[in-house]
Amino acid sequence: MKVVQELVAYFDRRGQLSKKQVRQLLDKGYLAADAPPHMLELGSSIGTSYYFRVRGETEGPLWGTDIYTGDSALAVAAVHAGLVKPGESAVVKVTVMAPLAQYQGCVRNGVTSHDFGRYGSAYCLGAI
């Protein structure tokens, strides 16, 4: 699955995949893997996007708003970002971002994220 994810990320970064093509890959089950707990192992290649099936959670480590630290819980971040409700599942696009000097927390969608200083990896989430 990781190889497929990397190929899709390659073509997606170059604008060579339309949303319709991505949706077709998702519908056929070729693309979305179950979400890892966080992005620590996948957060080294800035600009790379992954598609994950995530089940929303409200409890877990979360630092930042819109851009989260690499160790933030994906399932919690997805609820915080409004992409999935607690207990429900959805496919989300996770993009590795350049780390920020400062992460600002907030309360959103019933989930609290926290402030944090510099951290080595970061990601943002998007709807499919």
Protein backbone atom coordinates (compact mmCIF):
# COMPACT_ATOMS: atom_id res chain seq x y z
CA MET A 1 0.00 0.00 0.00
CA LYS A 2 2.87 2.39 0.77
CA VAL A 3 4.16 2.10 -2.81
CA VAL A 4 0.72 2.95 -4.20
CA GLN A 5 0.49 5.91 -1.81
CA GLU A 6 3.91 7.16 -2.93
CA LEU A 7 3.02 6.85 -6.63
CA VAL A 8 -0.22 8.75 -6.12
CA ALA A 9 1.63 11.43 -4.13
CA TYR A 10 4.16 11.77 -6.96
CA PHE A 11 1.48 12.38 -9.60
CA ASP A 12 -0.69 14.45 -7.24
CA ARG A 13 2.19 16.89 -6.50
CA ARG A 14 2.62 17.44 -10.22
CA GLY A 15 -1.10 18.11 -10.74
CA GLN A 16 -1.45 15.03 -12.91
CA LEU A 17 -4.33 13.47 -10.94
CA SER A 18 -7.78 14.98 -10.95
CA LYS A 19 -10.11 14.75 -7.95
CA LYS A 20 -12.24 12.38 -10.03
CA GLN A 21 -9.27 10.06 -10.61
CA VAL A 22 -8.38 10.09 -6.92
CA ARG A 23 -12.01 9.31 -6.04
CA GLN A 24 -12.01 6.37 -8.49
CA LEU A 25 -8.86 4.96 -6.87
CA LEU A 26 -10.44 5.35 -3.44
CA ASP A 27 -13.72 3.73 -4.52
CA LYS A 28 -11.83 0.71 -5.88
CA GLY A 29 -9.93 0.32 -2.61
CA TYR A 30 -6.54 0.96 -4.20
CA LEU A 31 -5.60 4.02 -2.26
CA ALA A 32 -6.66 4.52 1.34
CA ALA A 33 -4.94 2.56 4.06
CA ASP A 34 -5.99 2.61 7.70
CA ALA A 35 -4.53 5.67 9.37
CA PRO A 36 -1.43 5.29 11.51
CA PRO A 37 -1.66 6.78 15.01
CA HIS A 38 0.52 9.77 13.98
CA MET A 39 2.82 10.86 11.16
CA LEU A 40 6.22 10.38 12.83
CA GLU A 41 7.39 7.62 10.47
CA LEU A 42 5.97 9.29 7.35
CA GLY A 43 6.74 12.93 8.09
CA SER A 44 10.17 13.35 6.53
CA SER A 45 9.21 14.10 2.91
CA ILE A 46 7.68 17.60 2.84
CA GLY A 47 4.91 17.96 0.29
CA THR A 48 4.06 14.26 0.17
CA SER A 49 0.36 13.44 0.54
CA TYR A 50 -1.21 10.24 1.83
CA TYR A 51 -4.81 9.08 1.85
CA PHE A 52 -5.94 7.38 5.03
CA ARG A 53 -9.15 5.92 6.36
CA VAL A 54 -9.57 7.42 9.83
CA ARG A 55 -12.09 6.84 12.60
CA GLY A 56 -12.68 10.05 14.54
CA GLU A 57 -11.59 10.29 18.17
CA THR A 58 -11.76 13.11 20.72
CA GLU A 59 -9.00 12.03 23.11
CA GLY A 60 -5.30 11.92 22.38
CA PRO A 61 -2.25 14.12 21.94
CA LEU A 62 -2.87 17.13 19.68
CA TRP A 63 -0.73 20.21 19.11
CA GLY A 64 -1.51 22.96 16.60
CA THR A 65 -4.41 24.15 14.49
CA ASP A 66 -4.70 23.43 10.75
CA ILE A 67 -1.04 22.39 10.81
CA TYR A 68 -0.33 19.81 13.51
CA THR A 69 2.90 18.43 14.96
CA GLY A 70 3.96 15.08 13.51
CA ASP A 71 3.27 13.30 16.79
CA SER A 72 -0.33 14.57 17.00
CA ALA A 73 -2.99 11.85 16.86
CA LEU A 74 -4.41 11.69 13.32
CA ALA A 75 -7.85 10.52 14.46
CA VAL A 76 -8.11 13.44 16.91
CA ALA A 77 -6.77 15.97 14.40
CA ALA A 78 -9.38 14.82 11.85
CA VAL A 79 -12.19 15.63 14.31
CA HIS A 80 -10.53 18.92 15.32
CA ALA A 81 -10.29 19.88 11.62
CA GLY A 82 -13.97 19.04 11.07
CA LEU A 83 -13.31 16.25 8.57
CA VAL A 84 -14.92 13.46 10.56
CA LYS A 85 -17.19 13.17 13.60
CA PRO A 86 -16.24 11.16 16.68
CA GLY A 87 -16.83 7.46 16.08
CA GLU A 88 -17.39 7.91 12.33
CA SER A 89 -14.97 6.97 9.57
CA ALA A 90 -13.85 8.93 6.53
CA VAL A 91 -10.96 9.08 4.10
CA VAL A 92 -8.76 12.15 4.55
CA LYS A 93 -5.77 13.53 2.70
CA VAL A 94 -2.73 14.03 4.93
CA THR A 95 0.02 16.27 3.58
CA VAL A 96 3.47 16.49 5.16
CA MET A 97 4.32 20.14 5.84
CA ALA A 98 7.46 22.04 6.75
CA PRO A 99 7.68 22.28 10.55
CA LEU A 100 6.53 25.53 12.14
CA ALA A 101 8.45 27.56 14.70
CA GLN A 102 5.30 27.69 16.87
CA TYR A 103 2.03 25.71 16.92
CA GLN A 104 -1.10 27.47 18.13
CA GLY A 105 -3.77 25.36 19.82
CA CYS A 106 -7.51 26.00 20.08
CA VAL A 107 -10.84 24.36 20.84
CA ARG A 108 -12.65 23.27 17.70
CA ASN A 109 -15.41 20.71 17.09
CA GLY A 110 -15.32 19.66 20.74
CA VAL A 111 -11.60 18.87 20.66
CA THR A 112 -8.84 20.83 22.39
CA SER A 113 -5.46 21.19 20.72
CA HIS A 114 -2.52 22.68 22.57
CA ASP A 115 0.21 25.23 21.89
CA PHE A 116 3.70 23.92 21.25
CA GLY A 117 7.06 25.32 20.22
CA ARG A 118 9.29 24.06 17.44
CA TYR A 119 8.79 20.41 16.48
CA GLY A 120 10.63 18.33 13.86
CA SER A 121 7.71 17.30 11.64
CA ALA A 122 4.24 18.54 10.75
CA TYR A 123 1.16 17.72 8.70
CA CYS A 124 -2.15 19.17 7.58
CA LEU A 125 -5.40 17.44 6.73
CA GLY A 126 -7.80 17.92 3.84
CA ALA A 127 -11.14 16.54 2.70
CA ILE A 128 -11.40 14.26 -0.31
